[in-house]
PDB file of N, CA and C in Angstrom:
ATOM      1  N   MET A   1      10.179   3.748  -3.387  1.00  0.00           N
ATOM      2  CA  MET A   1       9.185   4.076  -2.389  1.00  0.00           C
ATOM      3  C   MET A   1       9.251   5.578  -2.129  1.00  0.00           C
ATOM      4  N   ARG A   2       8.132   6.241  -2.321  1.00  0.00           N
ATOM      5  CA  ARG A   2       8.067   7.696  -2.176  1.00  0.00           C
ATOM      6  C   ARG A   2       7.990   8.076  -0.704  1.00  0.00           C
ATOM      7  N   ALA A   3       8.825   9.006  -0.303  1.00  0.00           N
ATOM      8  CA  ALA A   3       8.876   9.443   1.097  1.00  0.00           C
ATOM      9  C   ALA A   3       7.560  10.069   1.545  1.00  0.00           C
ATOM     10  N   GLY A   4       6.835  10.714   0.649  1.00  0.00           N
ATOM     11  CA  GLY A   4       5.579  11.356   1.011  1.00  0.00           C
ATOM     12  C   GLY A   4       4.501  10.379   1.456  1.00  0.00           C
ATOM     13  N   ASN A   5       4.594   9.143   0.999  1.00  0.00           N
ATOM     14  CA  ASN A   5       3.620   8.124   1.390  1.00  0.00           C
ATOM     15  C   ASN A   5       3.899   7.564   2.779  1.00  0.00           C
ATOM     16  N   LEU A   6       5.104   7.734   3.266  1.00  0.00           N
ATOM     17  CA  LEU A   6       5.491   7.212   4.581  1.00  0.00           C
ATOM     18  C   LEU A   6       5.203   8.304   5.617  1.00  0.00           C
ATOM     19  N   ASP A   7       3.953   8.356   6.065  1.00  0.00           N
ATOM     20  CA  ASP A   7       3.520   9.473   6.898  1.00  0.00           C
ATOM     21  C   ASP A   7       3.082   9.076   8.304  1.00  0.00           C
ATOM     22  N   ARG A   8       3.344   7.860   8.737  1.00  0.00           N
ATOM     23  CA  ARG A   8       2.987   7.396  10.073  1.00  0.00           C
ATOM     24  C   ARG A   8       4.218   6.824  10.764  1.00  0.00           C
ATOM     25  N   ARG A   9       4.313   7.040  12.085  1.00  0.00           N
ATOM     26  CA  ARG A   9       5.440   6.498  12.857  1.00  0.00           C
ATOM     27  C   ARG A   9       5.034   5.168  13.481  1.00  0.00           C
ATOM     28  N   ILE A  10       5.870   4.158  13.287  1.00  0.00           N
ATOM     29  CA  ILE A  10       5.648   2.859  13.916  1.00  0.00           C
ATOM     30  C   ILE A  10       6.927   2.450  14.649  1.00  0.00           C
ATOM     31  N   THR A  11       6.766   1.593  15.628  1.00  0.00           N
ATOM     32  CA  THR A  11       7.908   1.039  16.350  1.00  0.00           C
ATOM     33  C   THR A  11       7.837  -0.470  16.255  1.00  0.00           C
ATOM     34  N   VAL A  12       8.932  -1.091  15.862  1.00  0.00           N
ATOM     35  CA  VAL A  12       9.023  -2.547  15.826  1.00  0.00           C
ATOM     36  C   VAL A  12       9.685  -2.998  17.121  1.00  0.00           C
ATOM     37  N   GLN A  13       9.072  -3.983  17.774  1.00  0.00           N
ATOM     38  CA  GLN A  13       9.587  -4.497  19.036  1.00  0.00           C
ATOM     39  C   GLN A  13       9.961  -5.966  18.892  1.00  0.00           C
ATOM     40  N   THR A  14      10.971  -6.375  19.679  1.00  0.00           N
ATOM     41  CA  THR A  14      11.440  -7.756  19.698  1.00  0.00           C
ATOM     42  C   THR A  14      11.247  -8.327  21.094  1.00  0.00           C
ATOM     43  N   LYS A  15      10.784  -9.573  21.142  1.00  0.00           N
ATOM     44  CA  LYS A  15      10.532 -10.238  22.419  1.00  0.00           C
ATOM     45  C   LYS A  15      11.819 -10.855  22.954  1.00  0.00           C
ATOM     46  N   THR A  16      12.020 -10.697  24.254  1.00  0.00           N
ATOM     47  CA  THR A  16      13.130 -11.367  24.928  1.00  0.00           C
ATOM     48  C   THR A  16      12.561 -12.133  26.116  1.00  0.00           C
ATOM     49  N   LEU A  17      13.135 -13.279  26.397  1.00  0.00           N
ATOM     50  CA  LEU A  17      12.714 -14.095  27.529  1.00  0.00           C
ATOM     51  C   LEU A  17      13.771 -14.004  28.617  1.00  0.00           C
ATOM     52  N   THR A  18      13.319 -13.692  29.829  1.00  0.00           N
ATOM     53  CA  THR A  18      14.212 -13.611  30.970  1.00  0.00           C
ATOM     54  C   THR A  18      13.601 -14.423  32.105  1.00  0.00           C
ATOM     55  N   ALA A  19      14.408 -14.753  33.074  1.00  0.00           N
ATOM     56  CA  ALA A  19      13.921 -15.496  34.229  1.00  0.00           C
ATOM     57  C   ALA A  19      13.610 -14.529  35.363  1.00  0.00           C
ATOM     58  N   ASN A  20      12.454 -14.749  36.012  1.00  0.00           N
ATOM     59  CA  ASN A  20      12.124 -13.912  37.169  1.00  0.00           C
ATOM     60  C   ASN A  20      12.747 -14.521  38.428  1.00  0.00           C
ATOM     61  N   SER A  21      12.419 -13.975  39.590  1.00  0.00           N
ATOM     62  CA  SER A  21      13.046 -14.435  40.832  1.00  0.00           C
ATOM     63  C   SER A  21      12.661 -15.876  41.192  1.00  0.00           C
ATOM     64  N   TYR A  22      11.603 -16.412  40.576  1.00  0.00           N
ATOM     65  CA  TYR A  22      11.197 -17.789  40.824  1.00  0.00           C
ATOM     66  C   TYR A  22      11.751 -18.754  39.773  1.00  0.00           C
ATOM     67  N   GLY A  23      12.487 -18.225  38.825  1.00  0.00           N
ATOM     68  CA  GLY A  23      13.055 -19.060  37.774  1.00  0.00           C
ATOM     69  C   GLY A  23      12.119 -19.266  36.593  1.00  0.00           C
ATOM     70  N   GLU A  24      10.947 -18.640  36.619  1.00  0.00           N
ATOM     71  CA  GLU A  24      10.002 -18.754  35.518  1.00  0.00           C
ATOM     72  C   GLU A  24      10.447 -17.854  34.368  1.00  0.00           C
ATOM     73  N   ARG A  25      10.205 -18.317  33.143  1.00  0.00           N
ATOM     74  CA  ARG A  25      10.551 -17.511  31.974  1.00  0.00           C
ATOM     75  C   ARG A  25       9.442 -16.498  31.721  1.00  0.00           C
ATOM     76  N   VAL A  26       9.835 -15.247  31.634  1.00  0.00           N
ATOM     77  CA  VAL A  26       8.901 -14.144  31.448  1.00  0.00           C
ATOM     78  C   VAL A  26       9.262 -13.402  30.164  1.00  0.00           C
ATOM     79  N   ALA A  27       8.252 -13.155  29.338  1.00  0.00           N
ATOM     80  CA  ALA A  27       8.481 -12.433  28.087  1.00  0.00           C
ATOM     81  C   ALA A  27       8.382 -10.933  28.327  1.00  0.00           C
ATOM     82  N   SER A  28       9.296 -10.199  27.727  1.00  0.00           N
ATOM     83  CA  SER A  28       9.225  -8.741  27.741  1.00  0.00           C
ATOM     84  C   SER A  28       9.569  -8.256  26.336  1.00  0.00           C
ATOM     85  N   TRP A  29       9.084  -7.076  26.011  1.00  0.00           N
ATOM     86  CA  TRP A  29       9.288  -6.525  24.674  1.00  0.00           C
ATOM     87  C   TRP A  29      10.177  -5.296  24.759  1.00  0.00           C
ATOM     88  N   ALA A  30      11.105  -5.196  23.820  1.00  0.00           N
ATOM     89  CA  ALA A  30      12.012  -4.049  23.756  1.00  0.00           C
ATOM     90  C   ALA A  30      11.931  -3.427  22.367  1.00  0.00           C
ATOM     91  N   ASP A  31      11.971  -2.109  22.314  1.00  0.00           N
ATOM     92  CA  ASP A  31      11.960  -1.411  21.030  1.00  0.00           C
ATOM     93  C   ASP A  31      13.221  -1.757  20.248  1.00  0.00           C
ATOM     94  N   THR A  32      13.025  -2.162  18.986  1.00  0.00           N
ATOM     95  CA  THR A  32      14.149  -2.474  18.109  1.00  0.00           C
ATOM     96  C   THR A  32      14.488  -1.265  17.241  1.00  0.00           C
ATOM     97  N   PHE A  33      13.462  -0.667  16.633  1.00  0.00           N
ATOM     98  CA  PHE A  33      13.658   0.560  15.866  1.00  0.00           C
ATOM     99  C   PHE A  33      12.312   1.248  15.645  1.00  0.00           C
ATOM    100  N   THR A  34      12.374   2.535  15.371  1.00  0.00           N
ATOM    101  CA  THR A  34      11.196   3.334  15.023  1.00  0.00           C
ATOM    102  C   THR A  34      11.435   3.894  13.633  1.00  0.00           C
ATOM    103  N   THR A  35      10.395   3.863  12.801  1.00  0.00           N
ATOM    104  CA  THR A  35      10.550   4.300  11.422  1.00  0.00           C
ATOM    105  C   THR A  35       9.245   4.882  10.896  1.00  0.00           C
ATOM    106  N   TRP A  36       9.337   5.499   9.733  1.00  0.00           N
ATOM    107  CA  TRP A  36       8.159   6.010   9.044  1.00  0.00           C
ATOM    108  C   TRP A  36       7.554   4.898   8.212  1.00  0.00           C
ATOM    109  N   ALA A  37       6.218   4.880   8.112  1.00  0.00           N
ATOM    110  CA  ALA A  37       5.535   3.809   7.381  1.00  0.00           C
ATOM    111  C   ALA A  37       4.289   4.343   6.681  1.00  0.00           C
ATOM    112  N   ASN A  38       3.865   3.596   5.682  1.00  0.00           N
ATOM    113  CA  ASN A  38       2.564   3.776   5.062  1.00  0.00           C
ATOM    114  C   ASN A  38       1.663   2.719   5.687  1.00  0.00           C
ATOM    115  N   VAL A  39       0.500   3.122   6.182  1.00  0.00           N
ATOM    116  CA  VAL A  39      -0.388   2.213   6.903  1.00  0.00           C
ATOM    117  C   VAL A  39      -1.714   2.123   6.154  1.00  0.00           C
ATOM    118  N   PHE A  40      -2.177   0.883   5.938  1.00  0.00           N
ATOM    119  CA  PHE A  40      -3.427   0.660   5.232  1.00  0.00           C
ATOM    120  C   PHE A  40      -4.199  -0.448   5.933  1.00  0.00           C
ATOM    121  N   GLU A  41      -5.419  -0.134   6.371  1.00  0.00           N
ATOM    122  CA  GLU A  41      -6.246  -1.154   7.027  1.00  0.00           C
ATOM    123  C   GLU A  41      -6.886  -2.033   5.967  1.00  0.00           C
ATOM    124  N   ILE A  42      -6.632  -3.336   6.068  1.00  0.00           N
ATOM    125  CA  ILE A  42      -7.148  -4.287   5.087  1.00  0.00           C
ATOM    126  C   ILE A  42      -8.568  -4.703   5.450  1.00  0.00           C
ATOM    127  N   ALA A  43      -8.761  -5.096   6.703  1.00  0.00           N
ATOM    128  CA  ALA A  43     -10.077  -5.559   7.154  1.00  0.00           C
ATOM    129  C   ALA A  43     -10.209  -5.280   8.637  1.00  0.00           C
ATOM    130  N   GLY A  44     -11.415  -5.047   9.038  1.00  0.00           N
ATOM    131  CA  GLY A  44     -11.659  -4.847  10.455  1.00  0.00           C
ATOM    132  C   GLY A  44     -13.071  -5.277  10.793  1.00  0.00           C
ATOM    133  N   LYS A  45     -13.237  -5.833  11.982  1.00  0.00           N
ATOM    134  CA  LYS A  45     -14.571  -6.239  12.399  1.00  0.00           C
ATOM    135  C   LYS A  45     -14.605  -6.363  13.912  1.00  0.00           C
ATOM    136  N   GLU A  46     -15.797  -6.296  14.441  1.00  0.00           N
ATOM    137  CA  GLU A  46     -15.996  -6.487  15.869  1.00  0.00           C
ATOM    138  C   GLU A  46     -16.909  -7.680  16.057  1.00  0.00           C
ATOM    139  N   LYS A  47     -16.668  -8.454  17.108  1.00  0.00           N
ATOM    140  CA  LYS A  47     -17.532  -9.589  17.402  1.00  0.00           C
ATOM    141  C   LYS A  47     -17.484  -9.876  18.895  1.00  0.00           C
ATOM    142  N   PHE A  48     -18.482 -10.621  19.353  1.00  0.00           N
ATOM    143  CA  PHE A  48     -18.498 -11.047  20.743  1.00  0.00           C
ATOM    144  C   PHE A  48     -17.781 -12.374  20.854  1.00  0.00           C
ATOM    145  N   GLU A  49     -16.832 -12.446  21.774  1.00  0.00           N
ATOM    146  CA  GLU A  49     -16.062 -13.666  21.994  1.00  0.00           C
ATOM    147  C   GLU A  49     -15.846 -13.786  23.488  1.00  0.00           C
ATOM    148  N   ALA A  50     -16.279 -14.887  24.068  1.00  0.00           N
ATOM    149  CA  ALA A  50     -16.150 -15.114  25.513  1.00  0.00           C
ATOM    150  C   ALA A  50     -16.802 -13.971  26.291  1.00  0.00           C
ATOM    151  N   SER A  51     -17.996 -13.597  25.861  1.00  0.00           N
ATOM    152  CA  SER A  51     -18.792 -12.549  26.510  1.00  0.00           C
ATOM    153  C   SER A  51     -18.110 -11.185  26.519  1.00  0.00           C
ATOM    154  N   GLN A  52     -17.201 -10.943  25.575  1.00  0.00           N
ATOM    155  CA  GLN A  52     -16.534  -9.650  25.466  1.00  0.00           C
ATOM    156  C   GLN A  52     -16.553  -9.204  24.009  1.00  0.00           C
ATOM    157  N   LEU A  53     -16.617  -7.908  23.817  1.00  0.00           N
ATOM    158  CA  LEU A  53     -16.544  -7.354  22.473  1.00  0.00           C
ATOM    159  C   LEU A  53     -15.077  -7.306  22.059  1.00  0.00           C
ATOM    160  N   VAL A  54     -14.748  -7.995  20.974  1.00  0.00           N
ATOM    161  CA  VAL A  54     -13.370  -8.082  20.498  1.00  0.00           C
ATOM    162  C   VAL A  54     -13.313  -7.494  19.096  1.00  0.00           C
ATOM    163  N   ASP A  55     -12.354  -6.604  18.866  1.00  0.00           N
ATOM    164  CA  ASP A  55     -12.181  -6.092  17.509  1.00  0.00           C
ATOM    165  C   ASP A  55     -10.954  -6.726  16.885  1.00  0.00           C
ATOM    166  N   LYS A  56     -11.075  -7.042  15.599  1.00  0.00           N
ATOM    167  CA  LYS A  56      -9.978  -7.672  14.865  1.00  0.00           C
ATOM    168  C   LYS A  56      -9.669  -6.774  13.682  1.00  0.00           C
ATOM    169  N   ALA A  57      -8.405  -6.466  13.507  1.00  0.00           N
ATOM    170  CA  ALA A  57      -8.014  -5.596  12.402  1.00  0.00           C
ATOM    171  C   ALA A  57      -6.746  -6.133  11.761  1.00  0.00           C
ATOM    172  N   ASP A  58      -6.788  -6.328  10.452  1.00  0.00           N
ATOM    173  CA  ASP A  58      -5.600  -6.681   9.693  1.00  0.00           C
ATOM    174  C   ASP A  58      -5.079  -5.401   9.047  1.00  0.00           C
ATOM    175  N   ILE A  59      -3.789  -5.171   9.199  1.00  0.00           N
ATOM    176  CA  ILE A  59      -3.156  -3.942   8.740  1.00  0.00           C
ATOM    177  C   ILE A  59      -1.962  -4.281   7.849  1.00  0.00           C
ATOM    178  N   ARG A  60      -1.758  -3.460   6.820  1.00  0.00           N
ATOM    179  CA  ARG A  60      -0.559  -3.576   5.986  1.00  0.00           C
ATOM    180  C   ARG A  60       0.310  -2.359   6.263  1.00  0.00           C
ATOM    181  N   PHE A  61       1.556  -2.618   6.629  1.00  0.00           N
ATOM    182  CA  PHE A  61       2.538  -1.556   6.841  1.00  0.00           C
ATOM    183  C   PHE A  61       3.571  -1.656   5.724  1.00  0.00           C
ATOM    184  N   ARG A  62       3.936  -0.528   5.142  1.00  0.00           N
ATOM    185  CA  ARG A  62       5.038  -0.500   4.178  1.00  0.00           C
ATOM    186  C   ARG A  62       6.106   0.437   4.728  1.00  0.00           C
ATOM    187  N   ILE A  63       7.346  -0.071   4.765  1.00  0.00           N
ATOM    188  CA  ILE A  63       8.469   0.718   5.268  1.00  0.00           C
ATOM    189  C   ILE A  63       9.627   0.592   4.293  1.00  0.00           C
ATOM    190  N   ARG A  64      10.624   1.443   4.463  1.00  0.00           N
ATOM    191  CA  ARG A  64      11.846   1.298   3.666  1.00  0.00           C
ATOM    192  C   ARG A  64      12.527  -0.012   4.036  1.00  0.00           C
ATOM    193  N   TYR A  65      13.303  -0.554   3.105  1.00  0.00           N
ATOM    194  CA  TYR A  65      13.941  -1.845   3.325  1.00  0.00           C
ATOM    195  C   TYR A  65      14.858  -1.811   4.540  1.00  0.00           C
ATOM    196  N   ARG A  66      14.813  -2.879   5.288  1.00  0.00           N
ATOM    197  CA  ARG A  66      15.633  -3.024   6.489  1.00  0.00           C
ATOM    198  C   ARG A  66      15.787  -4.508   6.767  1.00  0.00           C
ATOM    199  N   THR A  67      16.971  -4.934   7.148  1.00  0.00           N
ATOM    200  CA  THR A  67      17.172  -6.348   7.470  1.00  0.00           C
ATOM    201  C   THR A  67      16.714  -6.634   8.890  1.00  0.00           C
ATOM    202  N   GLY A  68      16.404  -7.889   9.151  1.00  0.00           N
ATOM    203  CA  GLY A  68      16.105  -8.319  10.508  1.00  0.00           C
ATOM    204  C   GLY A  68      14.652  -8.241  10.933  1.00  0.00           C
ATOM    205  N   VAL A  69      13.754  -7.817  10.068  1.00  0.00           N
ATOM    206  CA  VAL A  69      12.334  -7.770  10.427  1.00  0.00           C
ATOM    207  C   VAL A  69      11.745  -9.151  10.160  1.00  0.00           C
ATOM    208  N   ASN A  70      11.039  -9.723  11.163  1.00  0.00           N
ATOM    209  CA  ASN A  70      10.500 -11.075  11.001  1.00  0.00           C
ATOM    210  C   ASN A  70       9.182 -11.243  11.749  1.00  0.00           C
ATOM    211  N   GLU A  71       8.597 -12.432  11.609  1.00  0.00           N
ATOM    212  CA  GLU A  71       7.282 -12.734  12.171  1.00  0.00           C
ATOM    213  C   GLU A  71       7.295 -12.926  13.684  1.00  0.00           C
ATOM    214  N   GLU A  72       8.436 -12.922  14.308  1.00  0.00           N
ATOM    215  CA  GLU A  72       8.504 -13.082  15.759  1.00  0.00           C
ATOM    216  C   GLU A  72       8.495 -11.730  16.477  1.00  0.00           C
ATOM    217  N   GLN A  73       8.349 -10.672  15.717  1.00  0.00           N
ATOM    218  CA  GLN A  73       8.322  -9.327  16.280  1.00  0.00           C
ATOM    219  C   GLN A  73       6.889  -8.797  16.267  1.00  0.00           C
ATOM    220  N   ARG A  74       6.701  -7.618  16.828  1.00  0.00           N
ATOM    221  CA  ARG A  74       5.401  -6.968  16.783  1.00  0.00           C
ATOM    222  C   ARG A  74       5.604  -5.485  16.501  1.00  0.00           C
ATOM    223  N   ILE A  75       4.510  -4.822  16.143  1.00  0.00           N
ATOM    224  CA  ILE A  75       4.540  -3.407  15.805  1.00  0.00           C
ATOM    225  C   ILE A  75       3.657  -2.642  16.781  1.00  0.00           C
ATOM    226  N   VAL A  76       4.141  -1.484  17.199  1.00  0.00           N
ATOM    227  CA  VAL A  76       3.347  -0.561  17.998  1.00  0.00           C
ATOM    228  C   VAL A  76       2.995   0.605  17.080  1.00  0.00           C
ATOM    229  N   TYR A  77       1.685   0.834  16.918  1.00  0.00           N
ATOM    230  CA  TYR A  77       1.217   1.924  16.072  1.00  0.00           C
ATOM    231  C   TYR A  77      -0.054   2.503  16.683  1.00  0.00           C
ATOM    232  N   ASP A  78      -0.087   3.775  16.865  1.00  0.00           N
ATOM    233  CA  ASP A  78      -1.265   4.481  17.358  1.00  0.00           C
ATOM    234  C   ASP A  78      -1.766   3.882  18.686  1.00  0.00           C
ATOM    235  N   SER A  79      -0.827   3.598  19.589  1.00  0.00           N
ATOM    236  CA  SER A  79      -1.099   3.033  20.919  1.00  0.00           C
ATOM    237  C   SER A  79      -1.714   1.641  20.879  1.00  0.00           C
ATOM    238  N   ASN A  80      -1.581   0.935  19.765  1.00  0.00           N
ATOM    239  CA  ASN A  80      -2.052  -0.446  19.630  1.00  0.00           C
ATOM    240  C   ASN A  80      -0.882  -1.347  19.271  1.00  0.00           C
ATOM    241  N   TYR A  81      -1.036  -2.633  19.549  1.00  0.00           N
ATOM    242  CA  TYR A  81      -0.006  -3.624  19.251  1.00  0.00           C
ATOM    243  C   TYR A  81      -0.499  -4.539  18.137  1.00  0.00           C
ATOM    244  N   TYR A  82       0.417  -4.876  17.219  1.00  0.00           N
ATOM    245  CA  TYR A  82       0.082  -5.709  16.073  1.00  0.00           C
ATOM    246  C   TYR A  82       1.092  -6.848  15.950  1.00  0.00           C
ATOM    247  N   ASP A  83       0.581  -8.089  15.878  1.00  0.00           N
ATOM    248  CA  ASP A  83       1.432  -9.258  15.643  1.00  0.00           C
ATOM    249  C   ASP A  83       1.746  -9.345  14.161  1.00  0.00           C
ATOM    250  N   ILE A  84       3.008  -9.442  13.824  1.00  0.00           N
ATOM    251  CA  ILE A  84       3.428  -9.581  12.423  1.00  0.00           C
ATOM    252  C   ILE A  84       3.213 -11.028  11.987  1.00  0.00           C
ATOM    253  N   TYR A  85       2.535 -11.229  10.847  1.00  0.00           N
ATOM    254  CA  TYR A  85       2.375 -12.586  10.327  1.00  0.00           C
ATOM    255  C   TYR A  85       2.959 -12.784   8.936  1.00  0.00           C
ATOM    256  N   SER A  86       3.434 -11.703   8.309  1.00  0.00           N
ATOM    257  CA  SER A  86       4.071 -11.843   6.999  1.00  0.00           C
ATOM    258  C   SER A  86       4.958 -10.633   6.717  1.00  0.00           C
ATOM    259  N   VAL A  87       6.162 -10.901   6.188  1.00  0.00           N
ATOM    260  CA  VAL A  87       7.089  -9.843   5.784  1.00  0.00           C
ATOM    261  C   VAL A  87       7.558 -10.166   4.371  1.00  0.00           C
ATOM    262  N   THR A  88       7.347  -9.234   3.443  1.00  0.00           N
ATOM    263  CA  THR A  88       7.706  -9.445   2.043  1.00  0.00           C
ATOM    264  C   THR A  88       8.571  -8.297   1.551  1.00  0.00           C
ATOM    265  N   GLU A  89       9.628  -8.638   0.830  1.00  0.00           N
ATOM    266  CA  GLU A  89      10.499  -7.618   0.249  1.00  0.00           C
ATOM    267  C   GLU A  89       9.830  -7.026  -0.982  1.00  0.00           C
ATOM    268  N   LEU A  90       9.881  -5.702  -1.109  1.00  0.00           N
ATOM    269  CA  LEU A  90       9.339  -5.007  -2.273  1.00  0.00           C
ATOM    270  C   LEU A  90      10.490  -4.645  -3.202  1.00  0.00           C
ATOM    271  N   GLY A  91      10.371  -5.031  -4.455  1.00  0.00           N
ATOM    272  CA  GLY A  91      11.419  -4.731  -5.425  1.00  0.00           C
ATOM    273  C   GLY A  91      12.744  -5.362  -5.022  1.00  0.00           C
ATOM    274  N   ARG A  92      13.806  -4.697  -5.363  1.00  0.00           N
ATOM    275  CA  ARG A  92      15.154  -5.155  -4.971  1.00  0.00           C
ATOM    276  C   ARG A  92      15.605  -4.317  -3.797  1.00  0.00           C
ATOM    277  N   GLN A  93      15.149  -4.712  -2.628  1.00  0.00           N
ATOM    278  CA  GLN A  93      15.454  -4.024  -1.379  1.00  0.00           C
ATOM    279  C   GLN A  93      14.993  -2.570  -1.392  1.00  0.00           C
ATOM    280  N   ASP A  94      13.848  -2.326  -2.067  1.00  0.00           N
ATOM    281  CA  ASP A  94      13.257  -0.983  -2.048  1.00  0.00           C
ATOM    282  C   ASP A  94      12.489  -0.757  -0.755  1.00  0.00           C
ATOM    283  N   GLY A  95      11.819  -1.788  -0.287  1.00  0.00           N
ATOM    284  CA  GLY A  95      11.016  -1.640   0.914  1.00  0.00           C
ATOM    285  C   GLY A  95      10.545  -2.981   1.432  1.00  0.00           C
ATOM    286  N   LEU A  96       9.791  -2.949   2.517  1.00  0.00           N
ATOM    287  CA  LEU A  96       9.187  -4.138   3.098  1.00  0.00           C
ATOM    288  C   LEU A  96       7.691  -3.918   3.212  1.00  0.00           C
ATOM    289  N   GLU A  97       6.930  -4.961   2.915  1.00  0.00           N
ATOM    290  CA  GLU A  97       5.497  -4.958   3.130  1.00  0.00           C
ATOM    291  C   GLU A  97       5.238  -5.919   4.284  1.00  0.00           C
ATOM    292  N   ILE A  98       4.650  -5.393   5.354  1.00  0.00           N
ATOM    293  CA  ILE A  98       4.447  -6.162   6.575  1.00  0.00           C
ATOM    294  C   ILE A  98       2.950  -6.267   6.829  1.00  0.00           C
ATOM    295  N   PHE A  99       2.457  -7.498   6.968  1.00  0.00           N
ATOM    296  CA  PHE A  99       1.067  -7.719   7.313  1.00  0.00           C
ATOM    297  C   PHE A  99       0.992  -8.116   8.778  1.00  0.00           C
ATOM    298  N   ALA A 100       0.042  -7.524   9.490  1.00  0.00           N
ATOM    299  CA  ALA A 100      -0.061  -7.758  10.931  1.00  0.00           C
ATOM    300  C   ALA A 100      -1.518  -7.725  11.365  1.00  0.00           C
ATOM    301  N   THR A 101      -1.777  -8.357  12.511  1.00  0.00           N
ATOM    302  CA  THR A 101      -3.101  -8.408  13.104  1.00  0.00           C
ATOM    303  C   THR A 101      -3.070  -7.710  14.452  1.00  0.00           C
ATOM    304  N   LYS A 102      -4.080  -6.907  14.725  1.00  0.00           N
ATOM    305  CA  LYS A 102      -4.163  -6.192  15.985  1.00  0.00           C
ATOM    306  C   LYS A 102      -4.321  -7.181  17.135  1.00  0.00           C
ATOM    307  N   ILE A 103      -3.558  -6.951  18.202  1.00  0.00           N
ATOM    308  CA  ILE A 103      -3.617  -7.781  19.393  1.00  0.00           C
ATOM    309  C   ILE A 103      -4.705  -7.201  20.306  1.00  0.00           C
ATOM    310  N   PRO A 104      -5.711  -7.997  20.667  1.00  0.00           N
ATOM    311  CA  PRO A 104      -6.771  -7.473  21.543  1.00  0.00           C
ATOM    312  C   PRO A 104      -6.216  -7.090  22.912  1.00  0.00           C
ATOM    313  N   LEU A 105      -6.712  -5.997  23.454  1.00  0.00           N
ATOM    314  CA  LEU A 105      -6.313  -5.575  24.793  1.00  0.00           C
ATOM    315  C   LEU A 105      -6.965  -6.488  25.816  1.00  0.00           C
ATOM    316  N   THR A 106      -6.200  -6.873  26.818  1.00  0.00           N
ATOM    317  CA  THR A 106      -6.754  -7.741  27.863  1.00  0.00           C
ATOM    318  C   THR A 106      -6.838  -7.010  29.174  1.00  0.00           C
TER     319      THR A 106
END
């Protein structure tokens, strides 16, 4: 994996569940690591859903190989959040190819 292609900064976050003062389980996200990535938009579209304009974007991120990246995490890139739905090893631990979908802002 060529370093020159990894020209964008992304942060991978992991969800943790904690109990609030009422005993309810509340999800919070914590930064796991920040790294350089190659970012490629696969598809994007806008549509009306529930009387709101919603944009959907599928993105491919490529990063250097790292253990512990999985589909239960999310990526922060360019002030947007992306749910990871696939993680594939490239070569023999050369890198990771991560496919993710943009999370609509609420």
